[in-house]
N, C-alpha and C. Protein backbone atom coordinates (compact mmCIF):
# COMPACT_ATOMS: atom_id res chain seq x y z
N MET A 1 -16.98 -230.65 63.17
CA MET A 1 -16.45 -232.24 62.71
C MET A 1 -15.10 -231.99 61.78
N THR A 2 -14.34 -232.07 62.97
CA THR A 2 -12.67 -232.37 62.28
C THR A 2 -12.46 -233.27 61.48
N GLU A 3 -11.80 -232.83 60.29
CA GLU A 3 -11.69 -234.14 59.13
C GLU A 3 -11.31 -235.62 60.59
N GLN A 4 -10.71 -235.53 61.42
CA GLN A 4 -9.77 -237.31 61.73
C GLN A 4 -11.87 -237.66 61.84
N GLU A 5 -12.06 -236.72 63.18
CA GLU A 5 -13.52 -237.22 63.87
C GLU A 5 -14.58 -238.49 62.59
N ALA A 6 -14.40 -236.67 61.02
CA ALA A 6 -15.23 -237.81 60.84
C ALA A 6 -14.51 -238.75 59.29
N ASP A 7 -13.51 -238.22 59.66
CA ASP A 7 -12.93 -240.36 59.04
C ASP A 7 -13.32 -241.20 60.25
N GLU A 8 -12.88 -240.79 61.56
CA GLU A 8 -13.59 -241.97 62.62
C GLU A 8 -15.03 -242.79 62.67
N PHE A 9 -15.53 -241.57 62.15
CA PHE A 9 -17.34 -241.92 62.03
C PHE A 9 -17.88 -242.52 61.14
N THR A 10 -17.03 -242.10 59.72
CA THR A 10 -16.68 -242.77 58.81
C THR A 10 -16.73 -244.06 58.49
N THR A 11 -16.02 -244.46 59.33
CA THR A 11 -14.70 -245.48 59.61
C THR A 11 -16.43 -246.81 60.15
N ALA A 12 -16.11 -246.25 61.20
CA ALA A 12 -17.45 -247.21 62.39
C ALA A 12 -18.72 -246.90 61.33
N LEU A 13 -18.91 -246.37 60.91
CA LEU A 13 -20.40 -246.10 60.28
C LEU A 13 -19.80 -247.65 58.67
N SER A 14 -19.72 -247.45 58.41
CA SER A 14 -18.80 -248.18 57.42
C SER A 14 -18.98 -249.53 57.65
N GLU A 15 -18.60 -249.57 58.45
CA GLU A 15 -18.29 -250.93 59.25
C GLU A 15 -19.28 -251.70 60.60
N ARG A 16 -19.69 -250.73 60.52
CA ARG A 16 -21.31 -251.37 61.09
C ARG A 16 -22.46 -251.62 60.04
N TYR A 17 -22.60 -250.82 59.47
CA TYR A 17 -23.85 -250.96 58.16
C TYR A 17 -23.11 -252.62 57.15
N VAL A 18 -21.81 -252.98 56.81
CA VAL A 18 -21.71 -254.21 56.20
C VAL A 18 -22.35 -255.23 57.17
N GLU A 19 -21.59 -255.22 58.59
CA GLU A 19 -22.39 -255.56 59.81
C GLU A 19 -24.00 -256.28 59.48
N ILE A 20 -24.57 -255.26 59.86
CA ILE A 20 -26.25 -255.08 59.66
C ILE A 20 -26.42 -255.11 58.68
N GLN A 21 -26.41 -255.59 57.57
CA GLN A 21 -26.58 -255.90 56.35
C GLN A 21 -25.83 -257.37 56.12
N LYS A 22 -25.05 -257.64 56.75
CA LYS A 22 -24.64 -259.02 56.98
C LYS A 22 -26.30 -259.94 58.11
N TYR A 23 -26.14 -259.68 58.83
CA TYR A 23 -26.55 -260.56 60.41
C TYR A 23 -28.10 -260.07 60.08
N ASN A 24 -28.19 -258.85 59.59
CA ASN A 24 -30.22 -258.63 59.43
C ASN A 24 -30.40 -258.40 57.78
N SER A 25 -30.26 -259.20 56.95
CA SER A 25 -30.92 -258.68 55.47
C SER A 25 -31.90 -258.70 55.73
N HIS A 26 -32.44 -260.04 56.77
CA HIS A 26 -33.98 -260.66 56.35
C HIS A 26 -34.95 -259.08 57.23
N ASN A 27 -34.58 -258.58 57.48
CA ASN A 27 -34.96 -257.29 57.95
C ASN A 27 -34.89 -255.78 57.40
N LYS A 28 -35.29 -255.93 56.39
CA LYS A 28 -36.21 -254.89 55.76
C LYS A 28 -36.16 -253.23 55.80
N GLU A 29 -37.06 -253.49 57.20
CA GLU A 29 -37.07 -251.88 58.08
C GLU A 29 -36.33 -251.45 58.50
N LEU A 30 -35.16 -252.24 59.21
CA LEU A 30 -33.70 -252.30 60.06
C LEU A 30 -33.11 -251.54 58.98
N LEU A 31 -32.98 -252.33 57.75
CA LEU A 31 -32.54 -251.91 56.17
C LEU A 31 -32.55 -250.41 55.92
N ASN A 32 -33.89 -250.03 55.30
CA ASN A 32 -34.40 -248.96 54.86
C ASN A 32 -34.11 -247.96 55.92
N THR A 33 -34.04 -248.25 57.39
CA THR A 33 -34.01 -247.19 58.60
C THR A 33 -32.23 -246.40 57.95
N TRP A 34 -31.48 -247.89 57.48
CA TRP A 34 -30.53 -246.65 58.09
C TRP A 34 -29.97 -246.35 56.72
N ASN A 35 -30.90 -247.10 55.22
CA ASN A 35 -30.72 -246.33 54.21
C ASN A 35 -30.90 -245.08 54.20
N ASP A 36 -31.93 -244.53 54.95
CA ASP A 36 -32.20 -243.18 55.05
C ASP A 36 -31.35 -241.75 55.58
N ALA A 37 -31.07 -242.93 57.32
CA ALA A 37 -30.34 -242.43 57.36
C ALA A 37 -28.57 -242.14 56.82
N ILE A 38 -27.92 -242.82 55.90
CA ILE A 38 -26.69 -242.28 55.31
C ILE A 38 -27.09 -241.68 54.25
N ASP A 39 -28.90 -241.65 53.47
CA ASP A 39 -28.98 -240.75 52.35
C ASP A 39 -28.92 -239.24 52.80
N THR A 40 -29.22 -238.78 55.00
CA THR A 40 -29.41 -237.97 55.04
C THR A 40 -27.37 -236.98 54.68
N LEU A 41 -27.08 -237.68 55.22
CA LEU A 41 -25.63 -237.54 56.03
C LEU A 41 -25.08 -236.09 54.98
N PRO A 42 -24.05 -235.72 55.26
CA PRO A 42 -23.82 -234.44 54.38
C PRO A 42 -22.64 -234.91 53.19
N PRO A 43 -22.98 -234.53 52.11
CA PRO A 43 -21.83 -234.80 50.23
C PRO A 43 -20.74 -235.92 51.04
N ASP A 44 -19.99 -234.60 52.02
CA ASP A 44 -18.40 -235.09 52.26
C ASP A 44 -18.24 -236.14 52.83
N ILE A 45 -19.11 -236.79 53.83
CA ILE A 45 -19.27 -237.50 54.40
C ILE A 45 -20.14 -238.76 54.55
N LYS A 46 -20.34 -238.49 53.37
CA LYS A 46 -21.67 -240.25 52.35
C LYS A 46 -20.36 -240.40 51.73
N HIS A 47 -19.43 -239.25 50.64
CA HIS A 47 -18.58 -240.04 49.65
C HIS A 47 -18.16 -241.08 50.73
N ASN A 48 -17.30 -239.95 51.71
CA ASN A 48 -16.07 -241.62 52.30
C ASN A 48 -16.40 -242.28 52.74
N PHE A 49 -18.51 -242.27 53.37
CA PHE A 49 -18.53 -243.60 53.88
C PHE A 49 -19.13 -244.41 52.25
N VAL A 50 -18.79 -243.92 51.79
CA VAL A 50 -19.17 -244.47 49.70
C VAL A 50 -18.67 -245.54 49.92
N GLU A 51 -17.05 -244.86 50.29
CA GLU A 51 -15.56 -245.23 49.60
C GLU A 51 -14.88 -246.72 50.42
N LYS A 52 -15.61 -246.15 51.93
CA LYS A 52 -14.98 -246.98 52.65
C LYS A 52 -16.01 -248.01 52.61
N TYR A 53 -17.29 -247.98 52.89
CA TYR A 53 -18.30 -249.36 52.14
C TYR A 53 -17.72 -250.38 51.25
N ASN A 54 -17.47 -249.16 50.49
CA ASN A 54 -16.91 -250.47 49.25
C ASN A 54 -16.08 -251.29 49.21
N ARG A 55 -14.99 -250.27 49.70
CA ARG A 55 -13.64 -251.59 49.87
C ARG A 55 -14.45 -252.62 50.58
N LEU A 56 -14.94 -252.30 52.07
CA LEU A 56 -15.09 -253.06 52.50
C LEU A 56 -16.10 -254.47 52.57
N THR A 57 -16.85 -254.14 51.22
CA THR A 57 -17.46 -254.96 50.47
C THR A 57 -16.33 -256.03 49.48
N ARG A 58 -15.58 -255.31 48.62
CA ARG A 58 -13.92 -255.91 48.37
C ARG A 58 -13.96 -256.85 48.28
N GLU A 59 -13.26 -256.81 49.98
CA GLU A 59 -12.56 -257.56 50.42
C GLU A 59 -12.97 -258.44 51.57
N SER A 60 -14.52 -258.52 51.75
CA SER A 60 -15.20 -259.46 52.05
C SER A 60 -15.59 -260.03 51.04
N SER A 61 -15.38 -259.85 49.93
CA SER A 61 -15.72 -261.06 49.06
C SER A 61 -14.52 -261.61 48.18
N SER A 62 -13.62 -261.10 48.55
CA SER A 62 -12.71 -261.80 47.76
C SER A 62 -12.38 -263.35 49.04
């Protein structure tokens, strides 16, 4: 995976994860599945995901 592909992947993943949390907070099984999948990401991709996710959650709470 190129750096650009990894960036696009983590951007899409973090945006979708925010939506899943927002609209499916009652669905613990779905959230657990996403959390499990995120935990298996390679460290560099997981780090980028976490940074983007944190930025999105800060922006949405402003």
